[in-house]
């Protein structure tokens, strides 16, 4: 199950909604990128699950805004 939810007062994104928003074609590509040190957006483990992570929606939105600005030539590299 994926999509937006709330955890500790923050809206969160997980599952397919998360990796698709980040531009990955599938979950495995997202997992490989994380294993190789990709850390453009902080992700947090889902309590009580051995697998699965979530991102805070505000942090994801900030990253996507920086990425769009960089693509439009408004800034330097996406960080």
C-alpha atoms as a PDB file:
ATOM      1  CA  UNK A   1       0.000   0.000   0.000  1.00  0.00           C
ATOM      2  CA  UNK A   2       1.409   3.415  -0.878  1.00  0.00           C
ATOM      3  CA  UNK A   3       0.451   7.012  -1.074  1.00  0.00           C
ATOM      4  CA  UNK A   4       0.103   9.913   1.297  1.00  0.00           C
ATOM      5  CA  UNK A   5      -0.486   9.417   5.012  1.00  0.00           C
ATOM      6  CA  UNK A   6       0.288  11.185   8.245  1.00  0.00           C
ATOM      7  CA  UNK A   7       2.891  10.189  10.811  1.00  0.00           C
ATOM      8  CA  UNK A   8       3.953  12.233  13.865  1.00  0.00           C
ATOM      9  CA  UNK A   9       2.109  15.294  12.577  1.00  0.00           C
ATOM     10  CA  UNK A  10       3.722  15.257   9.133  1.00  0.00           C
ATOM     11  CA  UNK A  11       2.194  14.123   5.887  1.00  0.00           C
ATOM     12  CA  UNK A  12       4.253  11.290   4.454  1.00  0.00           C
ATOM     13  CA  UNK A  13       4.658   9.561   1.096  1.00  0.00           C
ATOM     14  CA  UNK A  14       5.615   5.907   0.734  1.00  0.00           C
ATOM     15  CA  UNK A  15       5.547   3.002  -1.689  1.00  0.00           C
ATOM     16  CA  UNK A  16       4.944   3.563  -5.395  1.00  0.00           C
ATOM     17  CA  UNK A  17       3.876   7.167  -4.821  1.00  0.00           C
ATOM     18  CA  UNK A  18       7.321   7.886  -3.365  1.00  0.00           C
ATOM     19  CA  UNK A  19       9.563   6.176  -5.894  1.00  0.00           C
ATOM     20  CA  UNK A  20       7.480   7.395  -8.849  1.00  0.00           C
ATOM     21  CA  UNK A  21       7.598  10.996  -7.571  1.00  0.00           C
ATOM     22  CA  UNK A  22      11.381  10.680  -7.380  1.00  0.00           C
ATOM     23  CA  UNK A  23      11.534   9.506 -11.001  1.00  0.00           C
ATOM     24  CA  UNK A  24      12.371   5.836 -10.501  1.00  0.00           C
ATOM     25  CA  UNK A  25      10.836   3.352 -12.936  1.00  0.00           C
ATOM     26  CA  UNK A  26      10.245   0.713 -10.292  1.00  0.00           C
ATOM     27  CA  UNK A  27      10.794  -0.141  -6.646  1.00  0.00           C
ATOM     28  CA  UNK A  28      13.924  -2.167  -7.369  1.00  0.00           C
ATOM     29  CA  UNK A  29      15.618   0.811  -9.052  1.00  0.00           C
ATOM     30  CA  UNK A  30      14.804   2.928  -6.000  1.00  0.00           C
ATOM     31  CA  UNK A  31      16.200   0.240  -3.677  1.00  0.00           C
ATOM     32  CA  UNK A  32      19.407  -0.018  -5.707  1.00  0.00           C
ATOM     33  CA  UNK A  33      19.889   3.725  -5.674  1.00  0.00           C
ATOM     34  CA  UNK A  34      19.497   3.785  -1.888  1.00  0.00           C
ATOM     35  CA  UNK A  35      21.980   0.918  -1.505  1.00  0.00           C
ATOM     36  CA  UNK A  36      24.462   2.904  -3.627  1.00  0.00           C
ATOM     37  CA  UNK A  37      24.223   5.932  -1.348  1.00  0.00           C
ATOM     38  CA  UNK A  38      21.561   8.019  -3.066  1.00  0.00           C
ATOM     39  CA  UNK A  39      20.234  10.521  -0.559  1.00  0.00           C
ATOM     40  CA  UNK A  40      18.587  13.403  -2.381  1.00  0.00           C
ATOM     41  CA  UNK A  41      15.561  13.217  -0.088  1.00  0.00           C
ATOM     42  CA  UNK A  42      15.723  11.934   3.488  1.00  0.00           C
ATOM     43  CA  UNK A  43      13.841   8.668   3.862  1.00  0.00           C
ATOM     44  CA  UNK A  44      12.943   7.023   7.131  1.00  0.00           C
ATOM     45  CA  UNK A  45      12.201   3.387   7.983  1.00  0.00           C
ATOM     46  CA  UNK A  46       8.597   2.441   8.589  1.00  0.00           C
ATOM     47  CA  UNK A  47       8.321   1.353  12.247  1.00  0.00           C
ATOM     48  CA  UNK A  48       7.444  -2.299  12.652  1.00  0.00           C
ATOM     49  CA  UNK A  49       8.411  -3.303   9.117  1.00  0.00           C
ATOM     50  CA  UNK A  50      11.648  -4.904   8.007  1.00  0.00           C
ATOM     51  CA  UNK A  51      11.386  -3.198   4.611  1.00  0.00           C
ATOM     52  CA  UNK A  52       9.893   0.000   3.413  1.00  0.00           C
ATOM     53  CA  UNK A  53      10.620   3.651   3.892  1.00  0.00           C
ATOM     54  CA  UNK A  54       8.724   6.886   3.814  1.00  0.00           C
ATOM     55  CA  UNK A  55       9.577  10.518   3.106  1.00  0.00           C
ATOM     56  CA  UNK A  56       8.044  13.602   4.595  1.00  0.00           C
ATOM     57  CA  UNK A  57       5.862  15.331   2.026  1.00  0.00           C
ATOM     58  CA  UNK A  58       7.322  18.761   2.801  1.00  0.00           C
ATOM     59  CA  UNK A  59      10.884  17.493   2.201  1.00  0.00           C
ATOM     60  CA  UNK A  60       9.836  15.730  -1.011  1.00  0.00           C
ATOM     61  CA  UNK A  61       8.102  18.867  -2.292  1.00  0.00           C
ATOM     62  CA  UNK A  62      11.149  21.021  -1.506  1.00  0.00           C
ATOM     63  CA  UNK A  63      13.388  18.613  -3.451  1.00  0.00           C
ATOM     64  CA  UNK A  64      11.012  18.561  -6.429  1.00  0.00           C
ATOM     65  CA  UNK A  65      10.845  22.374  -6.444  1.00  0.00           C
ATOM     66  CA  UNK A  66      14.670  22.617  -6.423  1.00  0.00           C
ATOM     67  CA  UNK A  67      14.859  20.036  -9.213  1.00  0.00           C
ATOM     68  CA  UNK A  68      12.328  21.959 -11.324  1.00  0.00           C
ATOM     69  CA  UNK A  69      14.158  25.250 -10.724  1.00  0.00           C
ATOM     70  CA  UNK A  70      17.477  23.691 -11.739  1.00  0.00           C
ATOM     71  CA  UNK A  71      15.896  22.232 -14.880  1.00  0.00           C
ATOM     72  CA  UNK A  72      14.520  25.665 -15.753  1.00  0.00           C
ATOM     73  CA  UNK A  73      17.984  27.153 -15.398  1.00  0.00           C
ATOM     74  CA  UNK A  74      17.149  29.080 -12.240  1.00  0.00           C
ATOM     75  CA  UNK A  75      19.853  27.589 -10.084  1.00  0.00           C
ATOM     76  CA  UNK A  76      22.798  25.334  -9.680  1.00  0.00           C
ATOM     77  CA  UNK A  77      22.770  21.607  -9.153  1.00  0.00           C
ATOM     78  CA  UNK A  78      19.904  19.981  -7.313  1.00  0.00           C
ATOM     79  CA  UNK A  79      20.767  19.381  -3.650  1.00  0.00           C
END
